[in-house]
Amino acid sequence: YTVSRESRLALSQARANRRPIIAVGTTSLRVLESLGPLQEGATIESETDVTILPGHDFTNVDGLITNFHLPRSSLLVLVSAFHGRENTLSLYQQAIESSFRFYSYGDCMAILPANSK
């Protein structure tokens, strides 16, 4: 992944101003969570091997926009770790009842902070 100097500045300012940071996609979430403290600095080019499981302490991401992932996938585990198992199961039940499409070309969801408008 690459996180530009400009992106690092924007992330740092968002955090300093208590604005929510919303990851668009699970890969973005993994990158943001692997950065450590969100602070200004030079462009970062690296790789992440972060696997997010229940119990992960999310420090950099406040919300997530992502697809409805397939059952038994690591991405569904990540979403459950972020949003809670019961909350995620409830979302998926609603998606099934509404005939949403799952996987890469399916519908998506936005998991936003409770205080967002």
C-alpha atoms as a PDB file:
ATOM      1  CA  TYR A   1       0.000   0.000   0.000  1.00  0.00           C
ATOM      2  CA  THR A   2       0.927   3.646  -0.349  1.00  0.00           C
ATOM      3  CA  VAL A   3      -0.273   6.417   1.956  1.00  0.00           C
ATOM      4  CA  SER A   4       0.779   9.799   0.603  1.00  0.00           C
ATOM      5  CA  ARG A   5       2.051  12.712   2.633  1.00  0.00           C
ATOM      6  CA  GLU A   6      -1.199  14.530   1.797  1.00  0.00           C
ATOM      7  CA  SER A   7      -3.317  11.610   2.999  1.00  0.00           C
ATOM      8  CA  ARG A   8      -1.334  11.356   6.217  1.00  0.00           C
ATOM      9  CA  LEU A   9      -1.897  15.078   6.815  1.00  0.00           C
ATOM     10  CA  ALA A  10      -5.641  14.751   6.130  1.00  0.00           C
ATOM     11  CA  LEU A  11      -5.919  11.742   8.460  1.00  0.00           C
ATOM     12  CA  SER A  12      -3.971  13.516  11.187  1.00  0.00           C
ATOM     13  CA  GLN A  13      -6.136  16.630  10.888  1.00  0.00           C
ATOM     14  CA  ALA A  14      -9.332  14.568  10.896  1.00  0.00           C
ATOM     15  CA  ARG A  15      -8.274  12.819  14.084  1.00  0.00           C
ATOM     16  CA  ALA A  16      -7.154  16.110  15.730  1.00  0.00           C
ATOM     17  CA  ASN A  17     -10.521  17.696  14.848  1.00  0.00           C
ATOM     18  CA  ARG A  18     -12.437  14.618  16.053  1.00  0.00           C
ATOM     19  CA  ARG A  19     -13.912  13.937  12.633  1.00  0.00           C
ATOM     20  CA  PRO A  20     -14.729  10.296  11.911  1.00  0.00           C
ATOM     21  CA  ILE A  21     -12.445   8.291   9.670  1.00  0.00           C
ATOM     22  CA  ILE A  22     -14.461   5.993   7.421  1.00  0.00           C
ATOM     23  CA  ALA A  23     -12.639   3.183   5.614  1.00  0.00           C
ATOM     24  CA  VAL A  24     -13.964   2.404   2.143  1.00  0.00           C
ATOM     25  CA  GLY A  25     -13.377  -1.312   1.878  1.00  0.00           C
ATOM     26  CA  THR A  26     -11.783  -3.914   4.094  1.00  0.00           C
ATOM     27  CA  THR A  27      -8.352  -3.458   2.529  1.00  0.00           C
ATOM     28  CA  SER A  28      -8.414   0.251   3.387  1.00  0.00           C
ATOM     29  CA  LEU A  29      -9.465  -0.628   6.926  1.00  0.00           C
ATOM     30  CA  ARG A  30      -6.537  -3.037   7.285  1.00  0.00           C
ATOM     31  CA  VAL A  31      -4.100  -0.412   5.957  1.00  0.00           C
ATOM     32  CA  LEU A  32      -5.414   2.299   8.276  1.00  0.00           C
ATOM     33  CA  GLU A  33      -5.242  -0.022  11.269  1.00  0.00           C
ATOM     34  CA  SER A  34      -1.650  -0.973  10.453  1.00  0.00           C
ATOM     35  CA  LEU A  35      -0.396   2.646  10.306  1.00  0.00           C
ATOM     36  CA  GLY A  36      -0.047   3.178  14.038  1.00  0.00           C
ATOM     37  CA  PRO A  37      -0.775   6.702  15.298  1.00  0.00           C
ATOM     38  CA  LEU A  38      -2.244   8.932  12.599  1.00  0.00           C
ATOM     39  CA  GLN A  39       0.296  11.686  12.222  1.00  0.00           C
ATOM     40  CA  GLU A  40       1.828  13.861   9.537  1.00  0.00           C
ATOM     41  CA  GLY A  41       4.885  12.574   7.757  1.00  0.00           C
ATOM     42  CA  ALA A  42       6.424  11.370   4.550  1.00  0.00           C
ATOM     43  CA  THR A  43       4.680   9.032   2.122  1.00  0.00           C
ATOM     44  CA  ILE A  44       4.567   5.461   3.407  1.00  0.00           C
ATOM     45  CA  GLU A  45       4.968   2.530   1.005  1.00  0.00           C
ATOM     46  CA  SER A  46       4.702  -0.824   2.715  1.00  0.00           C
ATOM     47  CA  GLU A  47       2.750  -4.068   3.012  1.00  0.00           C
ATOM     48  CA  THR A  48       0.376  -5.162   5.710  1.00  0.00           C
ATOM     49  CA  ASP A  49      -0.120  -8.616   7.107  1.00  0.00           C
ATOM     50  CA  VAL A  50      -2.684  -7.466   9.660  1.00  0.00           C
ATOM     51  CA  THR A  51      -5.436 -10.021  10.210  1.00  0.00           C
ATOM     52  CA  ILE A  52      -8.344  -8.497  12.087  1.00  0.00           C
ATOM     53  CA  LEU A  53     -10.173 -10.869  14.389  1.00  0.00           C
ATOM     54  CA  PRO A  54     -12.721 -10.375  17.168  1.00  0.00           C
ATOM     55  CA  GLY A  55     -11.073  -8.568  20.044  1.00  0.00           C
ATOM     56  CA  HIS A  56      -9.061  -6.240  17.788  1.00  0.00           C
ATOM     57  CA  ASP A  57      -8.771  -2.768  19.337  1.00  0.00           C
ATOM     58  CA  PHE A  58      -9.679  -0.409  16.485  1.00  0.00           C
ATOM     59  CA  THR A  59      -7.675   2.792  16.886  1.00  0.00           C
ATOM     60  CA  ASN A  60      -7.792   4.528  13.503  1.00  0.00           C
ATOM     61  CA  VAL A  61     -11.121   3.643  11.897  1.00  0.00           C
ATOM     62  CA  ASP A  62     -14.531   4.855  13.049  1.00  0.00           C
ATOM     63  CA  GLY A  63     -16.716   3.562  10.230  1.00  0.00           C
ATOM     64  CA  LEU A  64     -16.687   1.164   7.292  1.00  0.00           C
ATOM     65  CA  ILE A  65     -18.274   0.970   3.852  1.00  0.00           C
ATOM     66  CA  THR A  66     -18.037  -2.553   2.465  1.00  0.00           C
ATOM     67  CA  ASN A  67     -19.817  -5.241   0.493  1.00  0.00           C
ATOM     68  CA  PHE A  68     -21.903  -7.974   2.028  1.00  0.00           C
ATOM     69  CA  HIS A  69     -19.302 -10.730   2.203  1.00  0.00           C
ATOM     70  CA  LEU A  70     -19.756 -14.452   1.772  1.00  0.00           C
ATOM     71  CA  PRO A  71     -20.418 -16.678   4.785  1.00  0.00           C
ATOM     72  CA  ARG A  72     -17.368 -18.186   6.491  1.00  0.00           C
ATOM     73  CA  SER A  73     -15.011 -15.669   4.862  1.00  0.00           C
ATOM     74  CA  SER A  74     -12.214 -13.813   6.627  1.00  0.00           C
ATOM     75  CA  LEU A  75     -13.824 -10.562   5.460  1.00  0.00           C
ATOM     76  CA  LEU A  76     -17.049 -11.416   7.273  1.00  0.00           C
ATOM     77  CA  VAL A  77     -14.958 -12.095  10.385  1.00  0.00           C
ATOM     78  CA  LEU A  78     -13.357  -8.654   9.972  1.00  0.00           C
ATOM     79  CA  VAL A  79     -16.783  -6.977   9.701  1.00  0.00           C
ATOM     80  CA  SER A  80     -17.958  -8.874  12.784  1.00  0.00           C
ATOM     81  CA  ALA A  81     -14.843  -7.805  14.680  1.00  0.00           C
ATOM     82  CA  PHE A  82     -15.553  -4.192  13.731  1.00  0.00           C
ATOM     83  CA  HIS A  83     -19.328  -4.079  14.225  1.00  0.00           C
ATOM     84  CA  GLY A  84     -19.931  -6.917  16.684  1.00  0.00           C
ATOM     85  CA  ARG A  85     -21.141 -10.421  15.924  1.00  0.00           C
ATOM     86  CA  GLU A  86     -24.813  -9.896  16.821  1.00  0.00           C
ATOM     87  CA  ASN A  87     -25.011  -6.558  15.003  1.00  0.00           C
ATOM     88  CA  THR A  88     -23.462  -8.110  11.901  1.00  0.00           C
ATOM     89  CA  LEU A  89     -25.801 -11.121  11.999  1.00  0.00           C
ATOM     90  CA  SER A  90     -28.750  -8.732  12.246  1.00  0.00           C
ATOM     91  CA  LEU A  91     -27.529  -6.755   9.218  1.00  0.00           C
ATOM     92  CA  TYR A  92     -27.088  -9.936   7.212  1.00  0.00           C
ATOM     93  CA  GLN A  93     -30.559 -11.183   8.159  1.00  0.00           C
ATOM     94  CA  GLN A  94     -32.027  -7.902   6.929  1.00  0.00           C
ATOM     95  CA  ALA A  95     -29.998  -8.203   3.720  1.00  0.00           C
ATOM     96  CA  ILE A  96     -31.258 -11.744   3.106  1.00  0.00           C
ATOM     97  CA  GLU A  97     -34.872 -10.722   3.764  1.00  0.00           C
ATOM     98  CA  SER A  98     -34.455  -7.803   1.338  1.00  0.00           C
ATOM     99  CA  SER A  99     -32.894 -10.007  -1.382  1.00  0.00           C
ATOM    100  CA  PHE A 100     -29.626  -8.076  -1.366  1.00  0.00           C
ATOM    101  CA  ARG A 101     -26.818  -9.419  -3.501  1.00  0.00           C
ATOM    102  CA  PHE A 102     -23.663 -10.573  -1.810  1.00  0.00           C
ATOM    103  CA  TYR A 103     -19.994 -10.520  -2.788  1.00  0.00           C
ATOM    104  CA  SER A 104     -17.996  -8.256  -5.077  1.00  0.00           C
ATOM    105  CA  TYR A 105     -20.745  -7.092  -7.433  1.00  0.00           C
ATOM    106  CA  GLY A 106     -23.448  -7.031  -4.821  1.00  0.00           C
ATOM    107  CA  ASP A 107     -24.915  -4.501  -2.475  1.00  0.00           C
ATOM    108  CA  CYS A 108     -22.909  -2.740   0.189  1.00  0.00           C
ATOM    109  CA  MET A 109     -23.403  -1.420   3.681  1.00  0.00           C
ATOM    110  CA  ALA A 110     -22.214   1.586   5.643  1.00  0.00           C
ATOM    111  CA  ILE A 111     -21.347   1.038   9.298  1.00  0.00           C
ATOM    112  CA  LEU A 112     -21.103   4.554  10.692  1.00  0.00           C
ATOM    113  CA  PRO A 113     -20.314   5.943  14.131  1.00  0.00           C
ATOM    114  CA  ALA A 114     -23.376   6.321  16.338  1.00  0.00           C
ATOM    115  CA  ASN A 115     -23.008  10.103  16.504  1.00  0.00           C
ATOM    116  CA  SER A 116     -22.686  10.711  12.743  1.00  0.00           C
ATOM    117  CA  LYS A 117     -25.491  12.421  10.841  1.00  0.00           C
END
